Amino acid sequence: MSALLAGEGTQGGRAYGSSDKYAEFPADKPVAPEDIAHTVFHAMGIDDLTAHDREGRPFTLMDAGRPLYELFT
């Protein structure tokens, strides 16, 4: 799968990761959809993905994934 990210501090003209010679699997730096979501939230300034239920108990909106900080340097 491919994704294009632009703006909000991302560096243009860069590729992140690569696929194998048949373009079937990631060769390095595999990324999942939850990583892209965390990256978009990070770009919007949303780093705390904690919410509270009706009883006031905290829970995490997304347990999996991480921002791809390398795209911002």
PDB file of N, CA and C in Angstrom:
ATOM      1  N   MET A   1       0.837  -1.162   0.000  1.00  0.00           N
ATOM      2  CA  MET A   1       0.000   0.000   0.000  1.00  0.00           C
ATOM      3  C   MET A   1       0.884   1.227   0.000  1.00  0.00           C
ATOM      4  N   SER A   2       0.403   2.278  -0.585  1.00  0.00           N
ATOM      5  CA  SER A   2       1.140   3.533  -0.638  1.00  0.00           C
ATOM      6  C   SER A   2       0.338   4.615   0.045  1.00  0.00           C
ATOM      7  N   ALA A   3       1.031   5.598   0.569  1.00  0.00           N
ATOM      8  CA  ALA A   3       0.377   6.761   1.169  1.00  0.00           C
ATOM      9  C   ALA A   3       1.206   7.985   0.840  1.00  0.00           C
ATOM     10  N   LEU A   4       0.533   9.089   0.632  1.00  0.00           N
ATOM     11  CA  LEU A   4       1.200  10.355   0.354  1.00  0.00           C
ATOM     12  C   LEU A   4       0.881  11.305   1.489  1.00  0.00           C
ATOM     13  N   LEU A   5       1.920  11.839   2.114  1.00  0.00           N
ATOM     14  CA  LEU A   5       1.756  12.808   3.188  1.00  0.00           C
ATOM     15  C   LEU A   5       2.419  14.097   2.762  1.00  0.00           C
ATOM     16  N   ALA A   6       1.756  15.216   2.991  1.00  0.00           N
ATOM     17  CA  ALA A   6       2.312  16.514   2.615  1.00  0.00           C
ATOM     18  C   ALA A   6       1.890  17.554   3.650  1.00  0.00           C
ATOM     19  N   GLY A   7       2.725  18.561   3.816  1.00  0.00           N
ATOM     20  CA  GLY A   7       2.406  19.658   4.719  1.00  0.00           C
ATOM     21  C   GLY A   7       2.694  19.335   6.169  1.00  0.00           C
ATOM     22  N   GLU A   8       2.349  20.280   7.043  1.00  0.00           N
ATOM     23  CA  GLU A   8       2.493  20.140   8.491  1.00  0.00           C
ATOM     24  C   GLU A   8       3.868  19.679   8.939  1.00  0.00           C
ATOM     25  N   GLY A   9       4.906  20.151   8.279  1.00  0.00           N
ATOM     26  CA  GLY A   9       6.266  19.876   8.726  1.00  0.00           C
ATOM     27  C   GLY A   9       6.928  18.659   8.119  1.00  0.00           C
ATOM     28  N   THR A  10       6.226  17.902   7.278  1.00  0.00           N
ATOM     29  CA  THR A  10       6.874  16.767   6.634  1.00  0.00           C
ATOM     30  C   THR A  10       7.843  17.288   5.578  1.00  0.00           C
ATOM     31  N   GLN A  11       8.917  16.583   5.397  1.00  0.00           N
ATOM     32  CA  GLN A  11       9.921  16.960   4.411  1.00  0.00           C
ATOM     33  C   GLN A  11       9.529  16.400   3.046  1.00  0.00           C
ATOM     34  N   GLY A  12       9.497  17.241   2.033  1.00  0.00           N
ATOM     35  CA  GLY A  12       9.076  16.823   0.702  1.00  0.00           C
ATOM     36  C   GLY A  12      10.129  16.016  -0.040  1.00  0.00           C
ATOM     37  N   GLY A  13       9.692  15.270  -1.031  1.00  0.00           N
ATOM     38  CA  GLY A  13      10.584  14.538  -1.911  1.00  0.00           C
ATOM     39  C   GLY A  13      11.288  13.362  -1.280  1.00  0.00           C
ATOM     40  N   ARG A  14      10.701  12.783  -0.246  1.00  0.00           N
ATOM     41  CA  ARG A  14      11.345  11.667   0.442  1.00  0.00           C
ATOM     42  C   ARG A  14      10.489  10.422   0.346  1.00  0.00           C
ATOM     43  N   ALA A  15      11.155   9.295   0.366  1.00  0.00           N
ATOM     44  CA  ALA A  15      10.470   8.001   0.451  1.00  0.00           C
ATOM     45  C   ALA A  15      10.816   7.393   1.800  1.00  0.00           C
ATOM     46  N   TYR A  16       9.860   6.707   2.396  1.00  0.00           N
ATOM     47  CA  TYR A  16      10.073   6.061   3.693  1.00  0.00           C
ATOM     48  C   TYR A  16       9.920   4.565   3.492  1.00  0.00           C
ATOM     49  N   GLY A  17      10.988   3.817   3.692  1.00  0.00           N
ATOM     50  CA  GLY A  17      10.947   2.376   3.524  1.00  0.00           C
ATOM     51  C   GLY A  17      11.046   1.964   2.069  1.00  0.00           C
ATOM     52  N   SER A  18      11.038   0.662   1.849  1.00  0.00           N
ATOM     53  CA  SER A  18      11.095   0.120   0.495  1.00  0.00           C
ATOM     54  C   SER A  18      10.451  -1.264   0.496  1.00  0.00           C
ATOM     55  N   SER A  19      10.174  -1.757  -0.706  1.00  0.00           N
ATOM     56  CA  SER A  19       9.587  -3.086  -0.840  1.00  0.00           C
ATOM     57  C   SER A  19      10.619  -4.049  -1.412  1.00  0.00           C
ATOM     58  N   ASP A  20      10.281  -5.327  -1.367  1.00  0.00           N
ATOM     59  CA  ASP A  20      11.184  -6.324  -1.934  1.00  0.00           C
ATOM     60  C   ASP A  20      11.205  -6.194  -3.460  1.00  0.00           C
ATOM     61  N   LYS A  21      11.999  -7.017  -4.117  1.00  0.00           N
ATOM     62  CA  LYS A  21      12.177  -6.853  -5.559  1.00  0.00           C
ATOM     63  C   LYS A  21      10.911  -7.156  -6.360  1.00  0.00           C
ATOM     64  N   TYR A  22       9.941  -7.835  -5.766  1.00  0.00           N
ATOM     65  CA  TYR A  22       8.675  -8.109  -6.444  1.00  0.00           C
ATOM     66  C   TYR A  22       7.554  -7.165  -5.985  1.00  0.00           C
ATOM     67  N   ALA A  23       7.881  -6.231  -5.091  1.00  0.00           N
ATOM     68  CA  ALA A  23       6.907  -5.278  -4.523  1.00  0.00           C
ATOM     69  C   ALA A  23       5.767  -6.004  -3.810  1.00  0.00           C
ATOM     70  N   GLU A  24       6.088  -7.141  -3.192  1.00  0.00           N
ATOM     71  CA  GLU A  24       5.077  -7.912  -2.480  1.00  0.00           C
ATOM     72  C   GLU A  24       5.061  -7.614  -0.985  1.00  0.00           C
ATOM     73  N   PHE A  25       6.247  -7.384  -0.409  1.00  0.00           N
ATOM     74  CA  PHE A  25       6.376  -7.221   1.028  1.00  0.00           C
ATOM     75  C   PHE A  25       7.362  -6.096   1.336  1.00  0.00           C
ATOM     76  N   PRO A  26       7.252  -5.505   2.520  1.00  0.00           N
ATOM     77  CA  PRO A  26       8.233  -4.480   2.895  1.00  0.00           C
ATOM     78  C   PRO A  26       9.627  -5.088   3.033  1.00  0.00           C
ATOM     79  N   ALA A  27      10.616  -4.419   2.479  1.00  0.00           N
ATOM     80  CA  ALA A  27      12.002  -4.860   2.639  1.00  0.00           C
ATOM     81  C   ALA A  27      12.589  -4.266   3.920  1.00  0.00           C
ATOM     82  N   ASP A  28      12.160  -3.044   4.252  1.00  0.00           N
ATOM     83  CA  ASP A  28      12.588  -2.417   5.501  1.00  0.00           C
ATOM     84  C   ASP A  28      11.546  -1.383   5.918  1.00  0.00           C
ATOM     85  N   LYS A  29      11.551  -1.031   7.174  1.00  0.00           N
ATOM     86  CA  LYS A  29      10.643  -0.043   7.761  1.00  0.00           C
ATOM     87  C   LYS A  29       9.169  -0.322   7.449  1.00  0.00           C
ATOM     88  N   PRO A  30       8.658  -1.500   7.812  1.00  0.00           N
ATOM     89  CA  PRO A  30       7.241  -1.766   7.559  1.00  0.00           C
ATOM     90  C   PRO A  30       6.352  -0.798   8.351  1.00  0.00           C
ATOM     91  N   VAL A  31       5.251  -0.386   7.748  1.00  0.00           N
ATOM     92  CA  VAL A  31       4.333   0.577   8.346  1.00  0.00           C
ATOM     93  C   VAL A  31       2.919   0.021   8.253  1.00  0.00           C
ATOM     94  N   ALA A  32       2.160   0.191   9.328  1.00  0.00           N
ATOM     95  CA  ALA A  32       0.769  -0.249   9.353  1.00  0.00           C
ATOM     96  C   ALA A  32      -0.155   0.975   9.330  1.00  0.00           C
ATOM     97  N   PRO A  33      -1.429   0.789   9.009  1.00  0.00           N
ATOM     98  CA  PRO A  33      -2.360   1.923   8.976  1.00  0.00           C
ATOM     99  C   PRO A  33      -2.402   2.711  10.280  1.00  0.00           C
ATOM    100  N   GLU A  34      -2.274   2.023  11.409  1.00  0.00           N
ATOM    101  CA  GLU A  34      -2.300   2.737  12.691  1.00  0.00           C
ATOM    102  C   GLU A  34      -1.087   3.654  12.850  1.00  0.00           C
ATOM    103  N   ASP A  35       0.041   3.317  12.221  1.00  0.00           N
ATOM    104  CA  ASP A  35       1.208   4.210  12.238  1.00  0.00           C
ATOM    105  C   ASP A  35       0.922   5.489  11.451  1.00  0.00           C
ATOM    106  N   ILE A  36       0.246   5.351  10.315  1.00  0.00           N
ATOM    107  CA  ILE A  36      -0.126   6.524   9.520  1.00  0.00           C
ATOM    108  C   ILE A  36      -1.087   7.401  10.312  1.00  0.00           C
ATOM    109  N   ALA A  37      -2.075   6.794  10.973  1.00  0.00           N
ATOM    110  CA  ALA A  37      -3.030   7.556  11.775  1.00  0.00           C
ATOM    111  C   ALA A  37      -2.309   8.316  12.888  1.00  0.00           C
ATOM    112  N   HIS A  38      -1.404   7.657  13.603  1.00  0.00           N
ATOM    113  CA  HIS A  38      -0.642   8.325  14.659  1.00  0.00           C
ATOM    114  C   HIS A  38       0.200   9.463  14.088  1.00  0.00           C
ATOM    115  N   THR A  39       0.752   9.279  12.903  1.00  0.00           N
ATOM    116  CA  THR A  39       1.563  10.320  12.264  1.00  0.00           C
ATOM    117  C   THR A  39       0.711  11.537  11.927  1.00  0.00           C
ATOM    118  N   VAL A  40      -0.491  11.305  11.402  1.00  0.00           N
ATOM    119  CA  VAL A  40      -1.398  12.415  11.077  1.00  0.00           C
ATOM    120  C   VAL A  40      -1.814  13.140  12.358  1.00  0.00           C
ATOM    121  N   PHE A  41      -2.151  12.402  13.408  1.00  0.00           N
ATOM    122  CA  PHE A  41      -2.497  13.036  14.685  1.00  0.00           C
ATOM    123  C   PHE A  41      -1.332  13.868  15.208  1.00  0.00           C
ATOM    124  N   HIS A  42      -0.123  13.324  15.118  1.00  0.00           N
ATOM    125  CA  HIS A  42       1.058  14.053  15.574  1.00  0.00           C
ATOM    126  C   HIS A  42       1.228  15.355  14.788  1.00  0.00           C
ATOM    127  N   ALA A  43       1.041  15.299  13.476  1.00  0.00           N
ATOM    128  CA  ALA A  43       1.175  16.496  12.643  1.00  0.00           C
ATOM    129  C   ALA A  43       0.134  17.546  13.020  1.00  0.00           C
ATOM    130  N   MET A  44      -1.031  17.116  13.493  1.00  0.00           N
ATOM    131  CA  MET A  44      -2.081  18.048  13.901  1.00  0.00           C
ATOM    132  C   MET A  44      -1.895  18.528  15.340  1.00  0.00           C
ATOM    133  N   GLY A  45      -0.838  18.027  16.011  1.00  0.00           N
ATOM    134  CA  GLY A  45      -0.588  18.435  17.385  1.00  0.00           C
ATOM    135  C   GLY A  45      -1.339  17.622  18.420  1.00  0.00           C
ATOM    136  N   ILE A  46      -1.896  16.491  18.013  1.00  0.00           N
ATOM    137  CA  ILE A  46      -2.641  15.631  18.932  1.00  0.00           C
ATOM    138  C   ILE A  46      -1.753  14.446  19.292  1.00  0.00           C
ATOM    139  N   ASP A  47      -1.088  14.544  20.433  1.00  0.00           N
ATOM    140  CA  ASP A  47      -0.205  13.463  20.865  1.00  0.00           C
ATOM    141  C   ASP A  47      -0.816  12.641  21.998  1.00  0.00           C
ATOM    142  N   ASP A  48      -1.816  13.175  22.661  1.00  0.00           N
ATOM    143  CA  ASP A  48      -2.479  12.457  23.751  1.00  0.00           C
ATOM    144  C   ASP A  48      -3.781  11.872  23.217  1.00  0.00           C
ATOM    145  N   LEU A  49      -3.809  10.568  23.026  1.00  0.00           N
ATOM    146  CA  LEU A  49      -4.997   9.897  22.504  1.00  0.00           C
ATOM    147  C   LEU A  49      -5.765   9.211  23.625  1.00  0.00           C
ATOM    148  N   THR A  50      -5.847   9.887  24.766  1.00  0.00           N
ATOM    149  CA  THR A  50      -6.583   9.377  25.915  1.00  0.00           C
ATOM    150  C   THR A  50      -7.942  10.041  25.968  1.00  0.00           C
ATOM    151  N   ALA A  51      -8.974   9.247  26.203  1.00  0.00           N
ATOM    152  CA  ALA A  51     -10.335   9.762  26.364  1.00  0.00           C
ATOM    153  C   ALA A  51     -10.883   9.203  27.678  1.00  0.00           C
ATOM    154  N   HIS A  52     -12.055   9.660  28.058  1.00  0.00           N
ATOM    155  CA  HIS A  52     -12.681   9.199  29.305  1.00  0.00           C
ATOM    156  C   HIS A  52     -14.095   8.718  29.004  1.00  0.00           C
ATOM    157  N   ASP A  53     -14.485   7.612  29.661  1.00  0.00           N
ATOM    158  CA  ASP A  53     -15.835   7.104  29.480  1.00  0.00           C
ATOM    159  C   ASP A  53     -16.799   7.881  30.377  1.00  0.00           C
ATOM    160  N   ARG A  54     -18.049   7.482  30.403  1.00  0.00           N
ATOM    161  CA  ARG A  54     -19.072   8.198  31.179  1.00  0.00           C
ATOM    162  C   ARG A  54     -18.792   8.192  32.674  1.00  0.00           C
ATOM    163  N   GLU A  55     -18.047   7.202  33.127  1.00  0.00           N
ATOM    164  CA  GLU A  55     -17.709   7.107  34.544  1.00  0.00           C
ATOM    165  C   GLU A  55     -16.429   7.873  34.879  1.00  0.00           C
ATOM    166  N   GLY A  56     -15.819   8.489  33.865  1.00  0.00           N
ATOM    167  CA  GLY A  56     -14.598   9.248  34.082  1.00  0.00           C
ATOM    168  C   GLY A  56     -13.329   8.418  34.014  1.00  0.00           C
ATOM    169  N   ARG A  57     -13.459   7.158  33.632  1.00  0.00           N
ATOM    170  CA  ARG A  57     -12.284   6.290  33.538  1.00  0.00           C
ATOM    171  C   ARG A  57     -11.557   6.535  32.221  1.00  0.00           C
ATOM    172  N   PRO A  58     -10.230   6.692  32.282  1.00  0.00           N
ATOM    173  CA  PRO A  58      -9.480   6.941  31.045  1.00  0.00           C
ATOM    174  C   PRO A  58      -9.291   5.661  30.226  1.00  0.00           C
ATOM    175  N   PHE A  59      -9.259   5.827  28.917  1.00  0.00           N
ATOM    176  CA  PHE A  59      -8.913   4.733  28.023  1.00  0.00           C
ATOM    177  C   PHE A  59      -8.205   5.329  26.817  1.00  0.00           C
ATOM    178  N   THR A  60      -7.415   4.501  26.147  1.00  0.00           N
ATOM    179  CA  THR A  60      -6.643   4.941  24.994  1.00  0.00           C
ATOM    180  C   THR A  60      -7.446   4.700  23.721  1.00  0.00           C
ATOM    181  N   LEU A  61      -7.514   5.718  22.861  1.00  0.00           N
ATOM    182  CA  LEU A  61      -8.276   5.594  21.615  1.00  0.00           C
ATOM    183  C   LEU A  61      -7.596   4.662  20.620  1.00  0.00           C
ATOM    184  N   MET A  62      -6.257   4.653  20.625  1.00  0.00           N
ATOM    185  CA  MET A  62      -5.503   3.778  19.728  1.00  0.00           C
ATOM    186  C   MET A  62      -4.328   3.203  20.496  1.00  0.00           C
ATOM    187  N   ASP A  63      -4.380   1.909  20.776  1.00  0.00           N
ATOM    188  CA  ASP A  63      -3.287   1.269  21.505  1.00  0.00           C
ATOM    189  C   ASP A  63      -2.102   0.954  20.594  1.00  0.00           C
ATOM    190  N   ALA A  64      -2.385   0.604  19.366  1.00  0.00           N
ATOM    191  CA  ALA A  64      -1.326   0.183  18.444  1.00  0.00           C
ATOM    192  C   ALA A  64      -0.814   1.372  17.639  1.00  0.00           C
ATOM    193  N   GLY A  65       0.364   1.207  17.090  1.00  0.00           N
ATOM    194  CA  GLY A  65       0.932   2.216  16.203  1.00  0.00           C
ATOM    195  C   GLY A  65       1.803   3.228  16.917  1.00  0.00           C
ATOM    196  N   ARG A  66       2.541   3.984  16.095  1.00  0.00           N
ATOM    197  CA  ARG A  66       3.407   5.034  16.609  1.00  0.00           C
ATOM    198  C   ARG A  66       3.572   6.080  15.515  1.00  0.00           C
ATOM    199  N   PRO A  67       3.800   7.338  15.904  1.00  0.00           N
ATOM    200  CA  PRO A  67       4.075   8.345  14.874  1.00  0.00           C
ATOM    201  C   PRO A  67       5.395   8.067  14.160  1.00  0.00           C
ATOM    202  N   LEU A  68       5.471   8.363  12.897  1.00  0.00           N
ATOM    203  CA  LEU A  68       6.695   8.199  12.122  1.00  0.00           C
ATOM    204  C   LEU A  68       7.466   9.520  12.193  1.00  0.00           C
ATOM    205  N   TYR A  69       8.152   9.721  13.312  1.00  0.00           N
ATOM    206  CA  TYR A  69       8.864  10.965  13.569  1.00  0.00           C
ATOM    207  C   TYR A  69       9.920  11.255  12.495  1.00  0.00           C
ATOM    208  N   GLU A  70      10.420  10.210  11.860  1.00  0.00           N
ATOM    209  CA  GLU A  70      11.468  10.386  10.841  1.00  0.00           C
ATOM    210  C   GLU A  70      10.993  11.236   9.668  1.00  0.00           C
ATOM    211  N   LEU A  71       9.695  11.322   9.446  1.00  0.00           N
ATOM    212  CA  LEU A  71       9.156  12.111   8.340  1.00  0.00           C
ATOM    213  C   LEU A  71       9.219  13.615   8.606  1.00  0.00           C
ATOM    214  N   PHE A  72       9.453  13.988   9.851  1.00  0.00           N
ATOM    215  CA  PHE A  72       9.447  15.400  10.236  1.00  0.00           C
ATOM    216  C   PHE A  72      10.844  15.973  10.413  1.00  0.00           C
ATOM    217  N   THR A  73      11.864  15.183  10.211  1.00  0.00           N
ATOM    218  CA  THR A  73      13.232  15.692  10.411  1.00  0.00           C
ATOM    219  C   THR A  73      13.911  15.983   9.094  1.00  0.00           C
TER     220      THR A  73
END
